[in-house]
Protein backbone atom coordinates (compact mmCIF):
# COMPACT_ATOMS: atom_id res chain seq x y z
CA MET A 1 0.29 27.10 36.81
CA PRO A 2 1.79 27.17 40.35
CA LYS A 3 5.56 27.11 40.71
CA LYS A 4 7.24 24.09 42.25
CA PRO A 5 9.15 24.80 45.47
CA ALA A 6 12.91 24.92 45.14
CA LEU A 7 14.81 21.99 46.58
CA ALA A 8 17.90 22.42 48.71
CA ALA A 9 20.90 21.45 46.62
CA ASP A 10 22.93 20.15 49.56
CA THR A 11 20.40 17.72 51.04
CA GLN A 12 21.45 14.60 49.11
CA PRO A 13 24.17 13.67 46.65
CA GLN A 14 22.89 13.99 43.10
CA GLY A 15 20.94 10.93 42.06
CA ALA A 16 20.91 9.38 45.54
CA ALA A 17 17.69 8.61 47.36
CA PRO A 18 17.51 9.26 51.10
CA ALA A 19 18.48 6.08 52.96
CA THR A 20 15.07 5.54 54.52
CA THR A 21 13.35 5.99 51.16
CA ALA A 22 15.91 3.77 49.46
CA VAL A 23 15.34 0.92 51.90
CA THR A 24 11.57 1.09 51.58
CA SER A 25 11.65 1.45 47.78
CA LEU A 26 13.21 -2.02 47.39
CA PRO A 27 10.91 -4.99 47.77
CA PRO A 28 12.06 -7.14 50.70
CA LEU A 29 12.52 -10.19 48.46
CA GLY A 30 13.86 -10.64 44.97
CA TYR A 31 16.76 -9.25 42.99
CA SER A 32 17.68 -5.85 41.54
CA ARG A 33 19.96 -5.07 38.61
CA LEU A 34 22.60 -2.36 38.69
CA LYS A 35 20.35 0.13 36.89
CA ALA A 36 17.88 -0.11 39.80
CA VAL A 37 20.63 -0.02 42.45
CA LEU A 38 22.43 3.12 41.24
CA PRO A 39 19.66 5.60 42.17
CA LEU A 40 19.81 4.26 45.74
CA VAL A 41 23.51 4.93 46.37
CA PRO A 42 25.51 8.19 46.36
CA PHE A 43 28.13 6.89 43.94
CA GLY A 44 28.38 5.59 40.39
CA ARG A 45 28.77 2.33 38.54
CA ALA A 46 32.57 2.08 38.79
CA THR A 47 32.52 2.79 42.53
CA VAL A 48 29.90 0.09 43.08
CA TRP A 49 32.26 -2.45 41.51
CA ARG A 50 35.29 -1.12 43.45
CA LYS A 51 33.33 -1.45 46.68
CA VAL A 52 32.21 -4.99 45.75
CA VAL A 53 35.84 -6.02 45.19
CA ALA A 54 36.89 -4.33 48.46
CA GLY A 55 34.09 -6.09 50.38
CA GLN A 56 32.40 -2.77 51.18
CA PHE A 57 29.23 -3.44 49.16
CA PRO A 58 27.17 -6.62 48.79
CA ALA A 59 28.39 -8.97 46.09
CA PRO A 60 26.03 -9.59 43.18
CA TYR A 61 24.76 -12.95 41.97
CA LYS A 62 24.38 -14.37 38.48
CA VAL A 63 20.73 -15.20 37.94
CA ALA A 64 19.98 -16.79 34.57
CA GLY A 65 23.10 -15.12 33.16
CA VAL A 66 22.15 -11.68 34.55
CA THR A 67 24.09 -9.90 37.30
CA ALA A 68 21.79 -8.83 40.14
CA TRP A 69 21.85 -8.06 43.86
CA ARG A 70 19.60 -9.67 46.45
CA ASN A 71 17.20 -7.04 47.74
CA ASP A 72 17.43 -8.24 51.34
CA GLU A 73 21.23 -7.77 51.26
CA LEU A 74 20.91 -4.31 49.69
CA ARG A 75 18.29 -3.27 52.26
CA ALA A 76 20.56 -4.42 55.11
CA TRP A 77 23.56 -2.55 53.63
CA LEU A 78 21.52 0.65 53.11
CA ALA A 79 20.15 0.46 56.65
CA ALA A 80 23.67 -0.01 58.07
CA GLN A 81 24.90 3.01 56.09
CA HIS A 82 22.01 5.07 57.43
CA ARG A 83 22.75 4.03 61.03
CA ALA A 84 26.45 4.81 60.60
CA ALA A 85 25.67 8.23 59.13
CA GLU A 86 23.47 9.04 62.11
CA GLY A 87 26.21 8.19 64.57
CA GLY A 88 25.01 4.66 65.30
CA GLN A 89 27.32 1.72 64.83
């Protein structure tokens, strides 16, 4: 069985998807729950909520009693983070 190539440990924070992959992995419409959001960001559950309170992350909505984020708002936030990281805005 062939060996898998080693991945560089410093390319992405653990558990975070690259910004371009993260944006395209979310459907443009609909909602995502926290469990689906966490793999897309380089921080954990508590930090998501701290950033929501601070206005640094999109606020979630209650949909049928479930807390979820609008995918279009998440995609816009992820794209803005990617631009900022690349020296854009």
